N, C-alpha and C. Protein backbone atom coordinates (compact mmCIF):
# COMPACT_ATOMS: atom_id res chain seq x y z
N MET A 1 -18.40 26.51 0.85
CA MET A 1 -18.84 25.49 1.58
C MET A 1 -19.45 26.15 2.88
N ASP A 2 -20.33 25.90 3.53
CA ASP A 2 -21.41 26.25 4.70
C ASP A 2 -20.16 25.85 5.66
N ARG A 3 -19.58 26.83 6.60
CA ARG A 3 -18.84 26.77 7.44
C ARG A 3 -19.62 25.68 8.66
N ARG A 4 -20.90 25.48 8.94
CA ARG A 4 -21.53 25.20 9.81
C ARG A 4 -21.59 23.51 9.60
N ILE A 5 -20.98 22.93 8.63
CA ILE A 5 -21.14 21.76 8.24
C ILE A 5 -20.14 20.72 9.10
N LEU A 6 -19.15 21.34 9.71
CA LEU A 6 -17.83 20.55 9.97
C LEU A 6 -18.43 20.14 11.65
N PRO A 7 -18.85 21.62 12.38
CA PRO A 7 -19.04 21.86 13.85
C PRO A 7 -20.26 20.65 14.43
N GLU A 8 -21.27 20.64 13.15
CA GLU A 8 -22.79 20.24 13.42
C GLU A 8 -22.86 18.63 13.13
N ALA A 9 -22.00 18.08 12.24
CA ALA A 9 -22.30 16.64 11.72
C ALA A 9 -21.66 15.64 12.30
N PHE A 10 -21.10 15.68 13.18
CA PHE A 10 -20.25 14.58 14.17
C PHE A 10 -20.98 13.79 14.78
N HIS A 11 -21.67 12.66 14.45
CA HIS A 11 -22.72 12.21 15.23
C HIS A 11 -22.75 10.42 14.67
N GLU A 12 -23.00 10.09 13.51
CA GLU A 12 -23.45 8.87 13.21
C GLU A 12 -22.58 7.76 13.55
N GLN A 13 -21.33 7.88 12.95
CA GLN A 13 -20.10 6.79 12.93
C GLN A 13 -19.77 6.42 14.15
N LEU A 14 -19.82 7.36 15.18
CA LEU A 14 -19.12 7.21 16.49
C LEU A 14 -20.20 6.63 17.35
N ASN A 15 -21.31 6.64 17.26
CA ASN A 15 -22.37 6.02 18.23
C ASN A 15 -22.26 4.73 18.07
N SER A 16 -22.13 3.73 18.88
CA SER A 16 -22.30 2.40 18.79
C SER A 16 -22.55 1.71 20.42
N PRO A 17 -22.42 0.68 20.73
CA PRO A 17 -22.86 0.27 21.84
C PRO A 17 -21.81 0.51 23.14
N VAL A 18 -20.92 1.08 22.62
CA VAL A 18 -19.58 1.51 23.75
C VAL A 18 -19.44 3.14 23.65
N LEU A 19 -19.68 3.68 22.56
CA LEU A 19 -19.80 4.99 22.58
C LEU A 19 -21.06 5.75 22.35
N TYR A 20 -21.59 6.56 22.73
CA TYR A 20 -22.47 7.53 22.93
C TYR A 20 -22.30 9.07 22.41
N VAL A 21 -22.76 9.52 21.50
CA VAL A 21 -22.34 10.82 21.04
C VAL A 21 -23.63 11.88 21.44
N ALA A 22 -23.27 12.86 22.18
CA ALA A 22 -24.47 13.84 22.33
C ALA A 22 -24.86 14.34 21.25
N SER A 23 -26.32 14.33 21.13
CA SER A 23 -26.86 15.15 19.99
C SER A 23 -26.93 16.60 20.08
N ARG A 24 -26.96 17.38 18.82
CA ARG A 24 -27.27 18.64 18.94
C ARG A 24 -28.10 19.10 19.80
N HIS A 25 -29.35 18.48 20.42
CA HIS A 25 -30.26 19.08 21.30
C HIS A 25 -29.83 18.96 22.66
N GLU A 26 -29.20 17.91 22.85
CA GLU A 26 -28.36 17.85 24.22
C GLU A 26 -27.52 18.69 24.41
N ARG A 27 -26.60 19.13 23.56
CA ARG A 27 -25.59 20.06 23.47
C ARG A 27 -26.01 21.44 23.89
N LEU A 28 -27.28 21.93 22.82
CA LEU A 28 -27.82 23.33 23.21
C LEU A 28 -28.48 23.41 24.35
N ARG A 29 -29.16 22.44 25.12
CA ARG A 29 -29.88 22.33 26.44
C ARG A 29 -28.52 22.62 27.52
N ALA A 30 -27.33 22.05 27.22
CA ALA A 30 -26.25 22.01 27.99
C ALA A 30 -25.94 23.53 28.15
N TYR A 31 -25.88 24.39 26.87
CA TYR A 31 -25.38 25.64 26.70
C TYR A 31 -26.56 26.57 27.78
N ASP A 32 -27.94 26.04 27.48
CA ASP A 32 -29.17 27.13 27.80
C ASP A 32 -28.97 26.65 29.44
N ARG A 33 -28.76 25.65 30.08
CA ARG A 33 -28.52 25.55 31.36
C ARG A 33 -27.50 26.33 32.29
N GLN A 34 -26.49 26.67 31.47
CA GLN A 34 -25.51 27.55 31.66
C GLN A 34 -25.39 29.10 31.37
N GLY A 35 -26.85 29.31 30.95
CA GLY A 35 -27.04 30.76 30.69
C GLY A 35 -26.22 31.01 29.10
N LEU A 36 -25.75 30.33 28.26
CA LEU A 36 -24.88 30.45 27.28
C LEU A 36 -25.64 30.92 26.09
N PRO A 37 -25.55 31.89 25.03
CA PRO A 37 -25.92 31.68 23.87
C PRO A 37 -25.52 30.63 22.99
N ALA A 38 -26.27 30.12 22.03
CA ALA A 38 -25.56 28.74 21.15
C ALA A 38 -24.38 29.19 20.28
N GLY A 39 -24.54 30.13 20.17
CA GLY A 39 -23.32 30.76 19.04
C GLY A 39 -22.03 31.48 19.71
N ILE A 40 -22.09 31.59 21.10
CA ILE A 40 -20.93 32.01 22.10
C ILE A 40 -19.48 31.27 21.35
N HIS A 41 -18.38 32.03 21.32
CA HIS A 41 -17.29 31.57 21.16
C HIS A 41 -16.53 31.05 22.80
N ALA A 42 -17.19 29.85 23.16
CA ALA A 42 -17.02 29.62 24.49
C ALA A 42 -15.31 29.31 24.78
N SER A 43 -15.05 29.57 25.93
CA SER A 43 -13.57 29.14 26.42
C SER A 43 -13.41 27.59 26.52
N ARG A 44 -12.06 27.27 26.82
CA ARG A 44 -11.60 26.04 27.07
C ARG A 44 -12.54 25.21 28.46
N ALA A 45 -12.12 26.36 29.40
CA ALA A 45 -12.74 26.39 30.69
C ALA A 45 -14.27 26.30 30.73
N THR A 46 -14.74 26.88 29.89
CA THR A 46 -16.50 27.00 29.98
C THR A 46 -16.82 25.67 29.13
N LEU A 47 -16.24 25.09 27.98
CA LEU A 47 -16.37 24.04 27.59
C LEU A 47 -16.12 22.71 28.32
N TYR A 48 -15.41 22.75 29.34
CA TYR A 48 -15.06 21.80 30.35
C TYR A 48 -16.35 21.92 31.49
N ARG A 49 -16.84 23.09 31.66
CA ARG A 49 -17.78 23.08 32.67
C ARG A 49 -19.26 22.50 31.87
N LEU A 50 -19.18 22.77 30.59
CA LEU A 50 -20.45 21.72 29.97
C LEU A 50 -20.19 20.34 30.16
N ALA A 51 -19.05 20.08 29.59
CA ALA A 51 -19.00 18.44 29.60
C ALA A 51 -19.07 17.95 30.68
N GLU A 52 -18.61 18.52 32.02
CA GLU A 52 -19.00 18.14 33.51
C GLU A 52 -20.29 17.95 33.82
N GLN A 53 -20.96 18.97 33.37
CA GLN A 53 -22.60 19.24 33.71
C GLN A 53 -23.23 17.82 32.92
N MET A 54 -23.02 17.55 31.68
CA MET A 54 -23.22 16.30 31.03
C MET A 54 -22.89 15.01 31.38
N ASP A 55 -22.05 15.02 32.29
CA ASP A 55 -21.25 13.62 32.84
C ASP A 55 -20.76 12.95 31.98
N LEU A 56 -19.68 13.79 30.83
CA LEU A 56 -19.24 13.00 29.85
C LEU A 56 -17.82 12.26 30.44
N ASP A 57 -17.53 11.13 29.36
CA ASP A 57 -15.93 10.73 29.41
C ASP A 57 -15.10 11.50 28.66
N TYR A 58 -15.60 12.27 27.68
CA TYR A 58 -14.39 12.83 26.75
C TYR A 58 -15.55 13.82 25.90
N ALA A 59 -14.82 15.00 25.73
CA ALA A 59 -15.43 16.35 24.98
C ALA A 59 -14.13 16.31 23.66
N VAL A 60 -14.92 16.53 22.56
CA VAL A 60 -13.95 16.69 21.27
C VAL A 60 -13.82 18.16 21.14
N LEU A 61 -12.48 18.84 21.26
CA LEU A 61 -12.29 20.22 21.13
C LEU A 61 -11.65 20.19 19.67
N GLY A 62 -11.71 21.37 19.08
CA GLY A 62 -11.15 21.46 17.62
C GLY A 62 -11.26 22.64 17.02
N SER A 63 -10.44 22.72 15.94
CA SER A 63 -10.54 24.25 14.93
C SER A 63 -10.28 23.56 13.63
N TYR A 64 -10.39 24.31 12.64
CA TYR A 64 -10.16 24.19 11.21
C TYR A 64 -9.90 25.70 10.55
N ARG A 65 -9.31 25.48 9.46
CA ARG A 65 -8.78 26.25 8.53
C ARG A 65 -8.50 26.08 6.82
N TYR A 66 -9.13 26.67 6.12
CA TYR A 66 -9.32 26.77 4.93
C TYR A 66 -8.52 27.92 4.44
N ASP A 67 -7.56 27.59 3.23
CA ASP A 67 -6.92 28.36 2.71
C ASP A 67 -7.02 28.81 1.10
N GLY A 68 -8.05 28.38 0.90
CA GLY A 68 -8.85 28.46 -0.20
C GLY A 68 -8.32 27.08 -1.22
N ALA A 69 -7.50 26.27 -1.02
CA ALA A 69 -7.12 24.98 -1.80
C ALA A 69 -7.19 23.67 -0.86
N ARG A 70 -6.89 23.68 0.32
CA ARG A 70 -6.87 22.79 1.34
C ARG A 70 -7.60 23.16 2.50
N LEU A 71 -8.40 22.20 3.08
CA LEU A 71 -9.12 22.39 4.40
C LEU A 71 -8.13 21.50 5.46
N THR A 72 -7.46 22.00 6.58
CA THR A 72 -6.81 21.33 7.77
C THR A 72 -7.85 21.30 8.86
N ALA A 73 -8.13 20.29 9.30
CA ALA A 73 -8.94 20.10 10.83
C ALA A 73 -7.87 19.60 12.00
N THR A 74 -8.15 19.97 12.95
CA THR A 74 -7.53 19.81 14.32
C THR A 74 -8.79 19.46 15.30
N ALA A 75 -8.48 17.88 15.82
CA ALA A 75 -9.22 17.59 17.04
C ALA A 75 -8.45 16.96 18.07
N GLN A 76 -9.03 17.19 19.42
CA GLN A 76 -8.40 17.13 20.39
C GLN A 76 -9.20 16.55 21.32
N LEU A 77 -8.88 15.18 22.21
CA LEU A 77 -10.21 14.85 23.16
C LEU A 77 -9.41 15.31 24.70
N LEU A 78 -10.73 15.90 25.06
CA LEU A 78 -10.47 16.27 26.59
C LEU A 78 -11.02 15.24 27.44
N ASP A 79 -10.24 14.47 28.23
CA ASP A 79 -10.34 13.09 28.84
C ASP A 79 -11.12 13.74 30.06
N MET A 80 -12.32 13.85 30.30
CA MET A 80 -12.87 14.23 31.59
C MET A 80 -12.71 13.34 32.90
N ARG A 81 -12.04 12.32 32.78
CA ARG A 81 -12.07 11.55 33.84
C ARG A 81 -10.66 11.19 34.52
N ALA A 82 -9.69 11.55 33.62
CA ALA A 82 -8.29 12.24 33.78
C ALA A 82 -8.11 13.48 33.93
N GLN A 83 -8.90 14.30 33.63
CA GLN A 83 -8.92 15.79 33.46
C GLN A 83 -7.64 16.26 32.80
N LYS A 84 -7.36 15.87 31.82
CA LYS A 84 -6.40 16.17 30.78
C LYS A 84 -6.59 16.36 29.39
N LEU A 85 -5.96 17.29 28.35
CA LEU A 85 -5.95 17.12 26.85
C LEU A 85 -5.35 16.11 26.29
N LEU A 86 -5.77 15.12 25.55
CA LEU A 86 -4.92 14.02 25.19
C LEU A 86 -4.18 14.43 23.62
N PRO A 87 -3.38 14.12 23.10
CA PRO A 87 -2.71 14.90 22.24
C PRO A 87 -3.46 14.76 20.66
N ALA A 88 -3.26 16.01 20.15
CA ALA A 88 -3.90 16.50 19.20
C ALA A 88 -4.07 15.62 17.64
N SER A 89 -4.87 15.40 17.18
CA SER A 89 -5.12 14.87 15.61
C SER A 89 -4.99 15.81 14.27
N ASN A 90 -4.46 15.99 13.56
CA ASN A 90 -4.49 16.72 12.50
C ASN A 90 -4.70 15.97 11.26
N GLU A 91 -5.43 16.48 10.14
CA GLU A 91 -5.75 15.86 8.94
C GLU A 91 -5.94 17.33 7.79
N SER A 92 -5.54 16.91 6.58
CA SER A 92 -5.73 17.75 5.88
C SER A 92 -6.25 17.06 4.56
N ALA A 93 -6.56 18.09 3.60
CA ALA A 93 -6.96 17.52 2.53
C ALA A 93 -7.92 18.64 1.38
N PRO A 94 -8.01 18.58 0.11
CA PRO A 94 -8.60 19.32 -0.76
C PRO A 94 -10.17 19.30 -0.08
N LEU A 95 -10.84 20.49 -0.30
CA LEU A 95 -11.87 20.39 -0.14
C LEU A 95 -12.75 19.53 -0.81
N ALA A 96 -12.83 19.16 -1.92
CA ALA A 96 -13.30 17.98 -2.69
C ALA A 96 -13.15 16.84 -1.97
N ASP A 97 -12.13 16.61 -1.49
CA ASP A 97 -12.13 15.25 -0.43
C ASP A 97 -12.36 15.17 0.99
N LEU A 98 -13.41 16.36 1.25
CA LEU A 98 -13.87 16.47 2.92
C LEU A 98 -14.05 14.98 3.61
N GLY A 99 -15.05 14.13 2.85
CA GLY A 99 -15.40 12.85 3.16
C GLY A 99 -14.29 12.36 3.69
N THR A 100 -12.97 12.03 3.07
CA THR A 100 -11.79 11.33 3.36
C THR A 100 -11.30 11.97 4.62
N LEU A 101 -11.24 13.43 4.45
CA LEU A 101 -10.42 13.99 5.92
C LEU A 101 -11.31 13.68 7.38
N GLN A 102 -12.71 13.78 7.15
CA GLN A 102 -13.49 13.35 8.18
C GLN A 102 -13.35 12.09 8.69
N SER A 103 -13.22 10.99 7.71
CA SER A 103 -13.19 9.54 7.99
C SER A 103 -11.86 9.27 8.55
N ALA A 104 -10.60 9.82 8.32
CA ALA A 104 -9.34 10.15 8.61
C ALA A 104 -9.40 10.49 9.74
N LEU A 105 -9.72 11.53 10.22
CA LEU A 105 -9.86 12.18 11.59
C LEU A 105 -10.81 11.63 12.67
N ALA A 106 -11.79 10.99 12.14
CA ALA A 106 -12.44 9.99 12.53
C ALA A 106 -11.84 8.85 13.57
N TRP A 107 -10.99 8.03 12.45
CA TRP A 107 -10.05 6.90 12.80
C TRP A 107 -9.25 7.55 13.64
N ASP A 108 -8.69 8.52 13.77
CA ASP A 108 -7.75 8.92 14.84
C ASP A 108 -8.01 9.16 16.40
N LEU A 109 -9.67 9.93 16.36
CA LEU A 109 -10.04 9.59 17.51
C LEU A 109 -10.64 8.34 17.80
N LEU A 110 -11.31 7.48 17.11
CA LEU A 110 -11.74 6.06 17.44
C LEU A 110 -10.35 5.30 17.95
N HIS A 111 -9.44 5.53 17.67
CA HIS A 111 -8.29 4.74 17.98
C HIS A 111 -7.71 5.21 19.20
N THR A 112 -7.93 6.58 19.52
CA THR A 112 -7.41 6.94 20.86
C THR A 112 -8.33 6.36 21.77
N ILE A 113 -9.64 6.34 21.60
CA ILE A 113 -10.55 6.22 22.68
C ILE A 113 -11.08 4.88 22.88
N ARG A 114 -10.81 3.99 21.55
CA ARG A 114 -11.16 2.52 21.86
C ARG A 114 -9.97 1.72 21.55
N SER A 115 -9.54 1.05 22.89
CA SER A 115 -8.53 0.34 22.89
C SER A 115 -8.67 -1.02 22.07
N ASP A 116 -10.02 -1.56 21.56
CA ASP A 116 -10.12 -2.60 20.76
C ASP A 116 -10.01 -2.30 19.37
N PHE A 117 -10.10 -0.99 18.90
CA PHE A 117 -10.52 -0.60 17.84
C PHE A 117 -8.97 -0.71 16.79
N SER A 118 -8.98 -1.93 16.14
CA SER A 118 -7.63 -2.62 15.64
C SER A 118 -7.88 -2.08 13.90
N MET A 119 -8.53 -2.02 13.43
CA MET A 119 -8.90 -1.99 11.99
C MET A 119 -7.82 -0.76 11.56
N PRO A 120 -7.04 -1.33 10.69
CA PRO A 120 -6.03 -0.35 9.71
C PRO A 120 -6.36 0.86 9.12
N LYS A 121 -5.78 2.20 9.39
CA LYS A 121 -6.32 3.38 9.25
C LYS A 121 -6.67 3.77 7.63
N GLU A 122 -5.82 2.94 6.72
CA GLU A 122 -5.98 3.11 5.25
C GLU A 122 -7.55 2.15 4.99
N LYS A 123 -7.68 1.10 5.53
CA LYS A 123 -8.73 0.14 5.40
C LYS A 123 -10.13 0.98 5.59
N TYR A 124 -9.91 1.61 6.96
CA TYR A 124 -10.82 2.12 7.56
C TYR A 124 -11.44 3.35 6.52
N VAL A 125 -10.65 4.06 6.09
CA VAL A 125 -10.78 4.91 5.41
C VAL A 125 -11.25 4.72 4.04
N ALA A 126 -10.80 3.78 3.65
CA ALA A 126 -11.26 3.09 2.06
C ALA A 126 -12.69 2.34 2.09
N SER A 127 -13.21 1.99 3.47
CA SER A 127 -14.58 1.30 3.43
C SER A 127 -15.54 2.36 3.67
N ILE A 128 -15.47 3.73 3.69
CA ILE A 128 -16.45 4.90 4.00
C ILE A 128 -16.80 5.26 2.47
N VAL A 129 -18.15 5.32 2.45
CA VAL A 129 -18.47 6.03 1.21
C VAL A 129 -19.04 7.33 1.70
N PRO A 130 -18.32 8.55 1.00
CA PRO A 130 -18.32 9.62 1.82
C PRO A 130 -19.95 10.55 1.25
N LEU A 131 -20.34 11.28 2.06
CA LEU A 131 -21.79 12.07 1.63
C LEU A 131 -21.41 13.05 0.79
N ARG A 132 -22.04 13.15 -0.11
CA ARG A 132 -22.16 14.76 -0.99
C ARG A 132 -21.94 15.85 -0.30
N LEU A 133 -21.16 16.57 -0.34
CA LEU A 133 -20.99 17.69 0.09
C LEU A 133 -22.17 18.68 0.27
N ASP A 134 -23.01 18.98 -1.04
CA ASP A 134 -24.20 19.74 -1.05
C ASP A 134 -25.27 18.92 -0.29
N ALA A 135 -25.32 17.71 -0.08
CA ALA A 135 -26.38 17.11 0.65
C ALA A 135 -26.08 17.01 2.30
N GLN A 136 -24.91 17.42 2.74
CA GLN A 136 -24.53 17.59 3.85
C GLN A 136 -24.71 19.09 4.28
N GLN A 137 -24.52 19.95 3.35
CA GLN A 137 -24.87 21.27 3.38
C GLN A 137 -26.46 21.37 3.88
N ASN A 138 -27.21 20.95 2.93
CA ASN A 138 -28.70 21.05 2.86
C ASN A 138 -28.98 20.28 4.33
N PHE A 139 -28.75 19.19 4.75
CA PHE A 139 -29.10 18.64 5.99
C PHE A 139 -28.65 19.76 7.26
N ILE A 140 -27.60 20.22 7.15
CA ILE A 140 -27.04 21.04 8.31
C ILE A 140 -27.97 22.22 8.26
N GLY A 141 -28.40 22.87 7.08
CA GLY A 141 -29.39 23.61 6.90
C GLY A 141 -30.62 23.49 7.84
N GLY A 142 -31.18 22.37 7.36
CA GLY A 142 -32.31 21.81 7.83
C GLY A 142 -32.44 22.01 9.56
N LEU A 143 -30.98 21.28 10.22
CA LEU A 143 -31.01 21.32 11.62
C LEU A 143 -30.80 22.56 12.10
N LEU A 144 -30.45 23.55 11.40
CA LEU A 144 -30.40 25.03 12.10
C LEU A 144 -31.43 25.76 11.70
N ALA A 145 -32.33 25.53 10.78
CA ALA A 145 -33.64 26.36 10.62
C ALA A 145 -34.70 26.61 11.55
N SER A 146 -35.12 27.66 11.33
CA SER A 146 -36.08 27.93 12.68
C SER A 146 -37.39 27.97 12.20
N THR A 147 -37.89 27.29 11.14
CA THR A 147 -39.11 26.90 10.73
C THR A 147 -39.32 25.27 9.93
N ALA A 148 -40.45 24.81 10.37
CA ALA A 148 -40.86 23.44 10.09
C ALA A 148 -40.61 23.43 8.68
N GLU A 149 -41.04 24.64 7.69
CA GLU A 149 -41.05 24.61 6.31
C GLU A 149 -39.74 24.30 5.85
N GLU A 150 -39.04 25.19 6.48
CA GLU A 150 -37.32 25.21 5.82
C GLU A 150 -36.79 24.17 6.24
N LYS A 151 -37.03 23.48 7.41
CA LYS A 151 -36.70 22.36 7.61
C LYS A 151 -36.77 21.08 6.89
N ILE A 152 -38.23 21.14 6.38
CA ILE A 152 -38.68 20.10 5.26
C ILE A 152 -38.27 20.19 3.92
N ARG A 153 -38.00 21.70 3.64
CA ARG A 153 -37.40 21.83 2.19
C ARG A 153 -36.04 21.30 2.52
N ARG A 154 -35.12 21.78 3.20
CA ARG A 154 -33.72 21.35 3.02
C ARG A 154 -33.55 19.93 3.55
N TYR A 155 -34.39 19.12 4.27
CA TYR A 155 -34.00 17.58 4.14
C TYR A 155 -34.54 16.68 3.10
N ARG A 156 -35.76 17.44 2.43
CA ARG A 156 -36.14 16.75 1.27
C ARG A 156 -34.76 17.06 0.30
N GLU A 157 -34.12 18.20 -0.09
CA GLU A 157 -33.24 18.37 -0.88
C GLU A 157 -32.01 17.40 -0.62
N ALA A 158 -31.87 17.43 0.74
CA ALA A 158 -30.57 16.38 1.09
C ALA A 158 -30.90 14.91 0.76
N THR A 159 -31.98 14.47 0.92
CA THR A 159 -32.20 13.08 0.59
C THR A 159 -32.43 13.09 -1.22
N ARG A 160 -32.74 13.97 -1.84
CA ARG A 160 -32.92 14.01 -3.00
C ARG A 160 -31.33 13.89 -3.75
N LEU A 161 -30.51 14.60 -3.08
CA LEU A 161 -29.02 14.63 -3.35
C LEU A 161 -28.68 13.31 -3.21
N ASP A 162 -28.76 12.69 -1.92
CA ASP A 162 -28.21 11.58 -1.29
C ASP A 162 -29.30 10.41 -0.84
N PRO A 163 -30.01 9.80 -1.80
CA PRO A 163 -31.22 8.91 -1.23
C PRO A 163 -30.67 7.96 -0.06
N ALA A 164 -29.53 7.78 0.22
CA ALA A 164 -29.16 6.96 1.37
C ALA A 164 -28.77 7.53 2.43
N TYR A 165 -28.85 8.80 2.63
CA TYR A 165 -28.64 9.75 3.56
C TYR A 165 -29.68 9.38 5.01
N ALA A 166 -29.06 8.42 6.01
CA ALA A 166 -30.13 8.32 6.91
C ALA A 166 -30.82 9.35 7.75
N ARG A 167 -29.59 10.06 8.09
CA ARG A 167 -29.99 11.09 9.29
C ARG A 167 -31.02 12.19 8.87
N ALA A 168 -30.69 12.48 7.41
CA ALA A 168 -31.77 13.11 6.67
C ALA A 168 -33.26 12.67 6.67
N TRP A 169 -33.15 11.38 6.46
CA TRP A 169 -34.56 10.96 6.16
C TRP A 169 -35.31 10.66 7.42
N MET A 170 -34.38 10.46 8.72
CA MET A 170 -34.92 10.50 9.98
C MET A 170 -35.30 11.87 10.38
N GLU A 171 -34.72 12.67 10.02
CA GLU A 171 -35.15 14.06 10.58
C GLU A 171 -36.20 14.71 9.60
N LEU A 172 -36.22 14.19 8.64
CA LEU A 172 -37.74 14.88 7.80
C LEU A 172 -38.61 13.83 8.26
N GLY A 173 -38.82 12.61 8.70
CA GLY A 173 -39.85 11.79 9.21
C GLY A 173 -40.25 12.62 10.71
N LYS A 174 -39.37 12.91 11.46
CA LYS A 174 -39.51 13.71 12.61
C LYS A 174 -40.02 14.63 12.54
N THR A 175 -39.71 15.62 11.70
CA THR A 175 -40.28 17.12 11.23
C THR A 175 -41.84 16.88 10.62
N TYR A 176 -42.12 15.95 10.11
CA TYR A 176 -43.48 15.88 9.40
C TYR A 176 -44.09 15.06 10.57
N TYR A 177 -43.78 14.18 11.50
CA TYR A 177 -44.57 14.00 12.64
C TYR A 177 -44.95 15.27 13.80
N ASN A 178 -43.92 15.70 13.80
CA ASN A 178 -44.37 16.96 14.57
C ASN A 178 -45.27 17.89 14.26
N GLN A 179 -45.22 18.05 12.91
CA GLN A 179 -46.47 18.95 12.31
C GLN A 179 -47.78 18.31 12.20
N HIS A 180 -47.63 16.87 12.58
CA HIS A 180 -48.81 16.31 12.58
C HIS A 180 -49.20 15.50 11.08
N ALA A 181 -48.32 15.69 10.14
CA ALA A 181 -48.04 15.03 8.90
C ALA A 181 -48.07 14.01 9.07
N TYR A 182 -48.57 12.80 9.22
CA TYR A 182 -48.56 11.64 9.66
C TYR A 182 -47.96 10.67 8.16
N GLU A 183 -48.91 10.81 7.34
CA GLU A 183 -48.60 9.84 5.91
C GLU A 183 -47.28 10.25 5.31
N PRO A 184 -46.75 11.48 5.11
CA PRO A 184 -45.47 11.61 4.68
C PRO A 184 -44.35 11.28 5.65
N ALA A 185 -44.47 11.41 7.26
CA ALA A 185 -43.63 10.95 8.09
C ALA A 185 -43.43 9.56 7.91
N ILE A 186 -44.65 8.49 7.84
CA ILE A 186 -44.32 7.26 7.51
C ILE A 186 -43.56 6.87 6.35
N SER A 187 -44.04 7.56 5.54
CA SER A 187 -43.42 7.39 4.04
C SER A 187 -41.63 7.71 4.25
N ALA A 188 -41.59 8.67 5.07
CA ALA A 188 -39.97 9.09 5.09
C ALA A 188 -39.31 8.13 6.01
N SER A 189 -39.99 7.56 7.02
CA SER A 189 -39.23 6.87 7.94
C SER A 189 -39.24 5.26 7.39
N ALA A 190 -40.06 4.79 6.22
CA ALA A 190 -40.07 3.77 5.21
C ALA A 190 -38.72 3.79 4.52
N ARG A 191 -38.22 5.34 4.19
CA ARG A 191 -36.83 5.28 3.37
C ARG A 191 -35.69 5.33 4.20
N PHE A 192 -36.04 5.00 5.70
CA PHE A 192 -34.65 5.17 6.56
C PHE A 192 -33.77 3.77 6.23
N PRO A 193 -32.60 4.02 5.72
CA PRO A 193 -32.00 2.53 5.52
C PRO A 193 -31.58 1.88 6.66
N VAL A 194 -31.32 0.66 6.48
CA VAL A 194 -30.86 -0.15 7.58
C VAL A 194 -29.57 -0.15 7.39
N PRO A 195 -28.79 0.10 8.72
CA PRO A 195 -27.35 0.31 8.63
C PRO A 195 -26.58 -1.23 8.50
N PRO A 196 -25.60 -0.62 7.10
CA PRO A 196 -24.84 -2.03 7.04
C PRO A 196 -23.96 -2.67 8.36
N PRO A 197 -23.31 -3.97 8.13
CA PRO A 197 -22.62 -4.27 9.26
C PRO A 197 -21.44 -3.66 9.39
N SER A 198 -21.09 -2.94 8.49
CA SER A 198 -19.71 -2.50 8.47
C SER A 198 -19.62 -1.06 7.84
N PRO A 199 -18.92 0.21 8.29
CA PRO A 199 -18.95 1.41 8.26
C PRO A 199 -19.26 1.61 6.57
N ALA A 200 -20.22 2.29 6.41
CA ALA A 200 -20.53 2.83 5.04
C ALA A 200 -20.81 4.16 4.64
N ARG A 201 -20.60 5.05 5.97
CA ARG A 201 -20.67 6.52 6.03
C ARG A 201 -19.64 7.24 6.51
N PRO A 202 -19.32 8.26 6.16
CA PRO A 202 -17.99 9.34 6.83
C PRO A 202 -18.46 9.71 8.31
N ILE A 203 -17.41 9.96 9.25
CA ILE A 203 -17.56 10.29 10.30
C ILE A 203 -17.39 11.88 10.23
N SER A 204 -18.31 12.68 10.89
CA SER A 204 -17.84 13.86 10.59
C SER A 204 -17.67 14.47 12.10
N ILE A 205 -16.80 15.55 12.08
CA ILE A 205 -16.14 15.88 13.42
C ILE A 205 -16.61 17.08 13.73
N SER A 206 -16.55 17.42 15.30
CA SER A 206 -16.65 18.91 15.86
C SER A 206 -15.43 19.82 15.87
N VAL A 207 -15.52 20.59 14.89
CA VAL A 207 -14.31 21.40 14.80
C VAL A 207 -14.33 22.91 15.00
N SER A 208 -15.36 23.11 15.65
CA SER A 208 -15.65 24.64 16.04
C SER A 208 -15.43 24.94 17.24
N PRO A 209 -14.41 26.18 18.05
CA PRO A 209 -14.67 26.15 19.21
C PRO A 209 -15.89 26.46 20.11
N PRO A 210 -16.84 27.28 19.67
CA PRO A 210 -18.07 27.44 20.24
C PRO A 210 -19.05 26.32 20.06
N THR A 211 -18.76 24.98 19.55
CA THR A 211 -19.46 24.04 19.55
C THR A 211 -19.03 23.02 20.49
N LEU A 212 -19.51 22.32 21.12
CA LEU A 212 -19.37 20.95 21.92
C LEU A 212 -19.52 19.87 21.45
N THR A 213 -18.75 18.98 20.91
CA THR A 213 -19.07 17.55 20.65
C THR A 213 -18.52 16.53 21.46
N ALA A 214 -19.59 15.85 22.12
CA ALA A 214 -19.18 14.86 23.19
C ALA A 214 -19.46 13.62 23.07
N THR A 215 -18.76 12.73 23.77
CA THR A 215 -18.82 10.95 23.84
C THR A 215 -18.53 10.67 24.89
N SER A 216 -19.55 9.51 25.33
CA SER A 216 -19.34 8.93 26.67
C SER A 216 -19.43 7.43 26.38
N GLN A 217 -18.75 6.70 27.08
CA GLN A 217 -18.68 5.48 27.01
C GLN A 217 -19.35 4.73 27.90
N ASN A 218 -20.33 5.45 28.68
CA ASN A 218 -21.31 5.08 29.70
C ASN A 218 -22.81 5.78 29.33
N PRO A 219 -23.37 5.19 27.77
CA PRO A 219 -24.44 6.21 27.63
C PRO A 219 -25.92 5.87 28.50
N LYS A 220 -26.32 7.13 28.78
CA LYS A 220 -27.50 7.40 29.46
C LYS A 220 -28.41 8.03 28.88
N PRO A 221 -29.90 7.91 29.18
CA PRO A 221 -30.85 8.92 28.60
C PRO A 221 -30.78 10.25 28.86
N PRO A 222 -30.96 11.38 28.13
CA PRO A 222 -30.73 12.56 28.54
C PRO A 222 -31.83 12.65 29.74
N SER A 223 -31.40 14.00 30.76
CA SER A 223 -32.53 14.14 31.80
C SER A 223 -33.52 15.27 30.92
N SER A 224 -34.83 14.91 31.64
CA SER A 224 -36.14 15.37 31.18
C SER A 224 -36.14 16.89 31.72
N SER A 225 -35.31 17.06 32.88
CA SER A 225 -35.60 18.46 33.58
C SER A 225 -34.99 19.68 32.65
């Protein structure tokens, strides 16, 4: 398993009218403003300063370990308004059940953040159709690729493996558009699935200390400065 999947894939399902999840681009820009390399193993104090700079309500801190059979992930919310760490959530599952682990940990976080989140955990997890692990690996590879050619190759493979992978279609279309390849950009955008009224994809989590994944209950557009 590509170790970068867990820290980079926490975005889609937590986004809602009341929760805004900072994108990878926003997080990397916050690192850059602090003069920090993207791959630094940041201290908790540094992560706090980054979250404060981004004017967030919560930051998700976490870690994971894999013993060759089971993956165990821990996530902990840093409440920026109350300036305290909330109780940690832990989930464990075989690597083959990564999607179930992601969904279970996401339920833990949503239940902590949103007082109106009343869906039972078992029902929530059962409602999620997990993404294929190999599709996620290719998508994350596309996000981290340094060339447009590699991004396109990775995103195309992710959408081949999982034709309903919304973010992969979106990023593929954006990459084509940035390369002025407008016809394939339109074609990729046309394949962007319409989100269903209930959850249909797993929630991925940020579980790598060097990576800050953040949520805000008061969404605002990122600064252009």
